[in-house]
């Protein structure tokens, strides 16, 4: 958790509660990782049909049926949604 420090300032007689400076730098990196997860997840959701098509064209997909293709698209979108949710949770927990 973030350690809070109370800084005494004559302009603010009651002091202000701010996170310690070492923790602020750590939080910004974690929030950045959360942002990257959100972006990658959204890209994965948007490009899922193209990703599956490229897998098929390069021979990386097993099976030839349309139902199999639809299932792979759904799974790819699901992973994208999962990454997006995890990224949002990471951002919320660090802010």
C-alpha atoms as a PDB file:
ATOM      1  CA  UNK A   1       0.000   0.000   0.000  1.00  0.00           C
ATOM      2  CA  UNK A   2       0.981   3.616  -0.336  1.00  0.00           C
ATOM      3  CA  UNK A   3       2.586   5.205   2.708  1.00  0.00           C
ATOM      4  CA  UNK A   4       1.109   8.631   3.387  1.00  0.00           C
ATOM      5  CA  UNK A   5       3.118  11.534   4.763  1.00  0.00           C
ATOM      6  CA  UNK A   6       1.793  14.651   6.442  1.00  0.00           C
ATOM      7  CA  UNK A   7       3.602  17.774   5.246  1.00  0.00           C
ATOM      8  CA  UNK A   8       3.432  20.894   7.381  1.00  0.00           C
ATOM      9  CA  UNK A   9       3.115  24.090   5.404  1.00  0.00           C
ATOM     10  CA  UNK A  10       2.453  27.522   6.953  1.00  0.00           C
ATOM     11  CA  UNK A  11      -0.092  28.225   4.212  1.00  0.00           C
ATOM     12  CA  UNK A  12      -2.009  25.104   5.240  1.00  0.00           C
ATOM     13  CA  UNK A  13      -2.089  25.022   9.044  1.00  0.00           C
ATOM     14  CA  UNK A  14      -3.712  21.585   9.153  1.00  0.00           C
ATOM     15  CA  UNK A  15      -1.140  20.021   6.815  1.00  0.00           C
ATOM     16  CA  UNK A  16      -1.735  18.076   3.642  1.00  0.00           C
ATOM     17  CA  UNK A  17      -1.727  14.337   3.206  1.00  0.00           C
ATOM     18  CA  UNK A  18       0.206  13.274   0.107  1.00  0.00           C
ATOM     19  CA  UNK A  19       1.770   9.981  -0.921  1.00  0.00           C
ATOM     20  CA  UNK A  20       5.513   9.734  -0.376  1.00  0.00           C
ATOM     21  CA  UNK A  21       7.580  10.675  -3.426  1.00  0.00           C
ATOM     22  CA  UNK A  22       9.088   7.204  -3.854  1.00  0.00           C
ATOM     23  CA  UNK A  23       5.628   5.670  -4.056  1.00  0.00           C
ATOM     24  CA  UNK A  24       4.393   8.245  -6.573  1.00  0.00           C
ATOM     25  CA  UNK A  25       7.060   7.133  -9.067  1.00  0.00           C
ATOM     26  CA  UNK A  26       6.142   3.472  -8.526  1.00  0.00           C
ATOM     27  CA  UNK A  27       2.445   4.209  -8.948  1.00  0.00           C
ATOM     28  CA  UNK A  28       2.984   6.000 -12.246  1.00  0.00           C
ATOM     29  CA  UNK A  29       4.772   2.970 -13.726  1.00  0.00           C
ATOM     30  CA  UNK A  30       2.038   0.630 -12.574  1.00  0.00           C
ATOM     31  CA  UNK A  31      -0.628   2.958 -13.993  1.00  0.00           C
ATOM     32  CA  UNK A  32       1.315   3.039 -17.263  1.00  0.00           C
ATOM     33  CA  UNK A  33       1.280  -0.766 -17.385  1.00  0.00           C
ATOM     34  CA  UNK A  34      -2.467  -0.659 -16.741  1.00  0.00           C
ATOM     35  CA  UNK A  35      -2.887   1.784 -19.616  1.00  0.00           C
ATOM     36  CA  UNK A  36      -0.914  -0.480 -21.935  1.00  0.00           C
ATOM     37  CA  UNK A  37      -3.116  -3.423 -20.943  1.00  0.00           C
ATOM     38  CA  UNK A  38      -6.239  -1.386 -21.718  1.00  0.00           C
ATOM     39  CA  UNK A  39      -4.917  -0.341 -25.133  1.00  0.00           C
ATOM     40  CA  UNK A  40      -3.795  -3.869 -26.062  1.00  0.00           C
ATOM     41  CA  UNK A  41      -7.138  -5.265 -24.922  1.00  0.00           C
ATOM     42  CA  UNK A  42      -9.132  -2.768 -26.981  1.00  0.00           C
ATOM     43  CA  UNK A  43      -6.979  -3.442 -30.032  1.00  0.00           C
ATOM     44  CA  UNK A  44      -7.494  -7.173 -29.551  1.00  0.00           C
ATOM     45  CA  UNK A  45     -11.262  -6.757 -29.408  1.00  0.00           C
ATOM     46  CA  UNK A  46     -11.304  -4.613 -32.523  1.00  0.00           C
ATOM     47  CA  UNK A  47      -8.923  -6.709 -34.591  1.00  0.00           C
ATOM     48  CA  UNK A  48     -10.054 -10.180 -33.508  1.00  0.00           C
ATOM     49  CA  UNK A  49     -11.498 -11.199 -36.906  1.00  0.00           C
ATOM     50  CA  UNK A  50      -8.340 -10.035 -38.696  1.00  0.00           C
ATOM     51  CA  UNK A  51      -6.091 -11.825 -36.221  1.00  0.00           C
ATOM     52  CA  UNK A  52      -7.971 -15.088 -36.753  1.00  0.00           C
ATOM     53  CA  UNK A  53      -7.859 -14.629 -40.541  1.00  0.00           C
ATOM     54  CA  UNK A  54      -4.093 -14.095 -40.440  1.00  0.00           C
ATOM     55  CA  UNK A  55      -3.706 -17.203 -38.281  1.00  0.00           C
ATOM     56  CA  UNK A  56      -5.638 -19.229 -40.842  1.00  0.00           C
ATOM     57  CA  UNK A  57      -3.714 -17.830 -43.822  1.00  0.00           C
ATOM     58  CA  UNK A  58      -0.378 -18.679 -42.192  1.00  0.00           C
ATOM     59  CA  UNK A  59      -1.454 -22.132 -41.139  1.00  0.00           C
ATOM     60  CA  UNK A  60      -1.371 -21.400 -37.419  1.00  0.00           C
ATOM     61  CA  UNK A  61      -5.001 -22.382 -36.819  1.00  0.00           C
ATOM     62  CA  UNK A  62      -6.154 -25.946 -36.373  1.00  0.00           C
ATOM     63  CA  UNK A  63      -9.449 -26.837 -38.099  1.00  0.00           C
ATOM     64  CA  UNK A  64     -11.204 -25.476 -41.148  1.00  0.00           C
ATOM     65  CA  UNK A  65     -14.848 -25.050 -40.126  1.00  0.00           C
ATOM     66  CA  UNK A  66     -16.705 -21.745 -39.924  1.00  0.00           C
ATOM     67  CA  UNK A  67     -17.892 -22.602 -36.413  1.00  0.00           C
ATOM     68  CA  UNK A  68     -14.287 -23.103 -35.386  1.00  0.00           C
ATOM     69  CA  UNK A  69     -13.434 -19.675 -36.805  1.00  0.00           C
ATOM     70  CA  UNK A  70     -16.324 -18.057 -34.939  1.00  0.00           C
ATOM     71  CA  UNK A  71     -15.215 -19.710 -31.716  1.00  0.00           C
ATOM     72  CA  UNK A  72     -11.656 -18.441 -32.148  1.00  0.00           C
ATOM     73  CA  UNK A  73     -12.947 -14.916 -32.806  1.00  0.00           C
ATOM     74  CA  UNK A  74     -15.039 -15.062 -29.630  1.00  0.00           C
ATOM     75  CA  UNK A  75     -12.089 -16.323 -27.588  1.00  0.00           C
ATOM     76  CA  UNK A  76      -9.810 -13.605 -28.997  1.00  0.00           C
ATOM     77  CA  UNK A  77     -12.388 -10.942 -28.152  1.00  0.00           C
ATOM     78  CA  UNK A  78     -12.795 -12.444 -24.685  1.00  0.00           C
ATOM     79  CA  UNK A  79      -9.080 -12.229 -24.022  1.00  0.00           C
ATOM     80  CA  UNK A  80      -9.155  -8.610 -25.203  1.00  0.00           C
ATOM     81  CA  UNK A  81     -12.014  -7.819 -22.831  1.00  0.00           C
ATOM     82  CA  UNK A  82     -10.181  -9.550 -19.981  1.00  0.00           C
ATOM     83  CA  UNK A  83      -7.014  -7.520 -20.621  1.00  0.00           C
ATOM     84  CA  UNK A  84      -9.053  -4.321 -20.745  1.00  0.00           C
ATOM     85  CA  UNK A  85     -10.758  -5.082 -17.435  1.00  0.00           C
ATOM     86  CA  UNK A  86      -7.465  -5.992 -15.755  1.00  0.00           C
ATOM     87  CA  UNK A  87      -5.919  -2.775 -17.077  1.00  0.00           C
ATOM     88  CA  UNK A  88      -8.777  -0.661 -15.703  1.00  0.00           C
ATOM     89  CA  UNK A  89      -8.524  -2.384 -12.323  1.00  0.00           C
ATOM     90  CA  UNK A  90      -4.768  -1.750 -12.205  1.00  0.00           C
ATOM     91  CA  UNK A  91      -5.295   1.924 -13.038  1.00  0.00           C
ATOM     92  CA  UNK A  92      -8.054   2.322 -10.434  1.00  0.00           C
ATOM     93  CA  UNK A  93      -5.977   0.650  -7.726  1.00  0.00           C
ATOM     94  CA  UNK A  94      -2.960   2.870  -8.366  1.00  0.00           C
ATOM     95  CA  UNK A  95      -4.798   6.176  -8.588  1.00  0.00           C
END
